[in-house]
């Protein structure tokens, strides 16, 4: 009975690899929106419960250099400092002049709210000062991971 059980597991793993390989070929050859969605769906089925966009803090530090035009970890600039950003309510850094819209937003910075904010700040809080957006979900995840490690959470 045991050998059949292991053979079945190997067959399932082989099928998953084949589906992922096929989806990857579609992505590389066509680069269409449909192909990308097919890849994501295949990966979600083949590997349930695993995050597809886990953050890389090293790459996040490189992406953050663009953010550093206005922001810094430890001091306010054209944008507020990021020290202790996770768990902090938006619009509450001392000695920084926020837009009234962001002060009234009530947003608490978490991975999810930062991801939405970095994707399109004007959609999250219309009338905010921030105008720059990161289109890539992976870049956003990387910057958030970098901020987790370097800026930390609010005490």
Protein backbone atom coordinates (compact mmCIF):
# COMPACT_ATOMS: atom_id res chain seq x y z
CA UNK A 1 0.00 0.00 0.00
CA UNK A 2 2.83 2.40 0.81
CA UNK A 3 4.49 2.45 -2.64
CA UNK A 4 1.21 3.47 -4.31
CA UNK A 5 0.75 6.35 -1.90
CA UNK A 6 4.24 7.71 -2.67
CA UNK A 7 3.73 7.17 -6.38
CA UNK A 8 0.50 9.17 -6.21
CA UNK A 9 2.29 12.03 -4.43
CA UNK A 10 5.04 12.02 -7.04
CA UNK A 11 2.45 12.07 -9.82
CA UNK A 12 0.68 15.06 -8.23
CA UNK A 13 3.98 16.93 -7.86
CA UNK A 14 4.89 16.12 -11.49
CA UNK A 15 1.50 17.40 -12.70
CA UNK A 16 1.96 20.64 -10.73
CA UNK A 17 5.39 21.18 -12.26
CA UNK A 18 3.99 20.56 -15.75
CA UNK A 19 1.17 23.09 -15.21
CA UNK A 20 3.57 25.70 -13.89
CA UNK A 21 5.98 25.08 -16.77
CA UNK A 22 3.17 25.50 -19.30
CA UNK A 23 1.99 28.69 -17.64
CA UNK A 24 5.56 30.06 -17.57
CA UNK A 25 5.92 29.36 -21.31
CA UNK A 26 2.71 31.29 -21.96
CA UNK A 27 3.98 34.21 -19.92
CA UNK A 28 7.34 34.32 -21.68
CA UNK A 29 6.02 33.86 -25.21
CA UNK A 30 2.91 36.00 -25.15
CA UNK A 31 3.27 38.45 -22.27
CA UNK A 32 -0.43 39.15 -22.54
CA UNK A 33 -2.64 40.01 -19.63
CA UNK A 34 -4.48 36.72 -20.09
CA UNK A 35 -1.22 34.76 -19.95
CA UNK A 36 -0.16 36.52 -16.76
CA UNK A 37 -3.52 35.82 -15.16
CA UNK A 38 -3.28 32.19 -16.23
CA UNK A 39 0.13 31.94 -14.59
CA UNK A 40 -1.13 33.46 -11.34
CA UNK A 41 -4.16 31.16 -11.31
CA UNK A 42 -1.99 28.11 -11.96
CA UNK A 43 0.45 29.04 -9.22
CA UNK A 44 -2.38 29.69 -6.79
CA UNK A 45 -3.84 26.24 -7.50
CA UNK A 46 -0.51 24.44 -7.52
CA UNK A 47 0.79 26.10 -4.36
CA UNK A 48 -2.17 27.12 -2.18
CA UNK A 49 -1.48 29.23 0.88
CA UNK A 50 1.83 30.61 -0.40
CA UNK A 51 2.29 34.32 -0.96
CA UNK A 52 3.30 35.25 -4.49
CA UNK A 53 4.66 38.70 -3.64
CA UNK A 54 6.97 38.26 -0.70
CA UNK A 55 9.22 41.23 -0.09
CA UNK A 56 12.95 41.45 -0.76
CA UNK A 57 14.41 44.17 1.50
CA UNK A 58 17.63 44.42 -0.54
CA UNK A 59 15.70 45.25 -3.71
CA UNK A 60 13.33 47.38 -1.60
CA UNK A 61 16.29 49.54 -0.53
CA UNK A 62 17.11 50.15 -4.20
CA UNK A 63 13.50 51.09 -5.00
CA UNK A 64 13.37 53.29 -1.87
CA UNK A 65 16.06 55.52 -3.41
CA UNK A 66 13.30 56.97 -5.58
CA UNK A 67 11.23 57.59 -2.43
CA UNK A 68 14.26 59.25 -0.83
CA UNK A 69 13.78 62.22 -3.13
CA UNK A 70 11.07 63.31 -0.65
CA UNK A 71 11.31 60.92 2.33
CA UNK A 72 13.91 59.66 4.78
CA UNK A 73 13.78 57.09 7.55
CA UNK A 74 14.81 59.40 10.39
CA UNK A 75 13.92 62.97 9.39
CA UNK A 76 11.18 64.89 7.67
CA UNK A 77 11.83 66.32 4.22
CA UNK A 78 9.38 67.17 1.46
CA UNK A 79 7.57 64.08 2.78
CA UNK A 80 7.28 62.81 6.37
CA UNK A 81 9.89 60.53 7.92
CA UNK A 82 9.23 56.81 7.87
CA UNK A 83 10.66 55.88 11.27
CA UNK A 84 8.01 53.81 13.09
CA UNK A 85 5.60 53.86 10.15
CA UNK A 86 4.00 50.44 10.73
CA UNK A 87 1.11 50.75 13.16
CA UNK A 88 1.15 54.56 13.04
CA UNK A 89 -1.92 56.56 12.10
CA UNK A 90 -1.44 58.52 8.88
CA UNK A 91 -0.92 62.25 9.30
CA UNK A 92 0.52 62.13 12.82
CA UNK A 93 4.30 62.63 12.46
CA UNK A 94 5.25 65.65 14.59
CA UNK A 95 6.70 68.68 12.80
CA UNK A 96 5.36 67.70 9.40
CA UNK A 97 2.59 69.60 7.66
CA UNK A 98 0.16 67.11 6.14
CA UNK A 99 -2.70 67.71 3.76
CA UNK A 100 -6.05 68.02 5.56
CA UNK A 101 -7.28 65.00 3.56
CA UNK A 102 -4.57 62.69 4.95
CA UNK A 103 -4.97 64.02 8.50
CA UNK A 104 -8.67 63.17 8.39
CA UNK A 105 -8.22 59.79 6.67
CA UNK A 106 -7.87 57.69 9.84
CA UNK A 107 -5.61 55.23 7.99
CA UNK A 108 -3.33 53.06 10.13
CA UNK A 109 -0.25 51.94 8.21
CA UNK A 110 -0.14 48.16 7.76
CA UNK A 111 1.25 46.02 4.94
CA UNK A 112 -2.13 46.16 3.21
CA UNK A 113 -2.74 49.91 3.59
CA UNK A 114 0.84 50.71 2.53
CA UNK A 115 0.44 48.51 -0.54
CA UNK A 116 -2.75 50.29 -1.59
CA UNK A 117 -1.19 53.69 -0.81
CA UNK A 118 1.97 53.01 -2.80
CA UNK A 119 -0.09 51.71 -5.74
CA UNK A 120 -2.22 54.89 -6.01
CA UNK A 121 -2.13 57.43 -3.17
CA UNK A 122 -4.63 59.76 -4.85
CA UNK A 123 -7.19 56.94 -5.09
CA UNK A 124 -6.75 56.05 -1.41
CA UNK A 125 -6.89 59.64 -0.15
CA UNK A 126 -8.03 62.16 -2.78
CA UNK A 127 -6.40 65.52 -2.16
CA UNK A 128 -3.23 64.18 -0.55
CA UNK A 129 0.13 65.77 -1.34
CA UNK A 130 1.72 62.52 -2.45
CA UNK A 131 1.61 61.98 -6.17
CA UNK A 132 4.18 59.23 -6.88
CA UNK A 133 3.00 55.63 -7.28
CA UNK A 134 4.74 52.27 -7.64
CA UNK A 135 2.99 50.24 -10.33
CA UNK A 136 4.81 46.97 -9.68
CA UNK A 137 3.29 44.84 -6.91
CA UNK A 138 6.70 43.25 -6.36
CA UNK A 139 8.38 46.67 -5.96
CA UNK A 140 5.72 47.64 -3.43
CA UNK A 141 6.22 44.41 -1.48
CA UNK A 142 9.98 44.97 -1.52
CA UNK A 143 9.72 48.56 -0.28
CA UNK A 144 7.32 47.50 2.48
CA UNK A 145 9.71 44.75 3.59
CA UNK A 146 12.58 47.27 3.56
CA UNK A 147 10.51 49.67 5.68
CA UNK A 148 9.66 46.87 8.14
CA UNK A 149 13.35 46.17 8.67
CA UNK A 150 14.72 49.72 8.61
CA UNK A 151 11.90 51.93 9.84
CA UNK A 152 10.17 49.52 12.20
CA UNK A 153 6.88 49.82 13.95
CA UNK A 154 5.43 52.50 16.17
CA UNK A 155 6.30 51.70 19.81
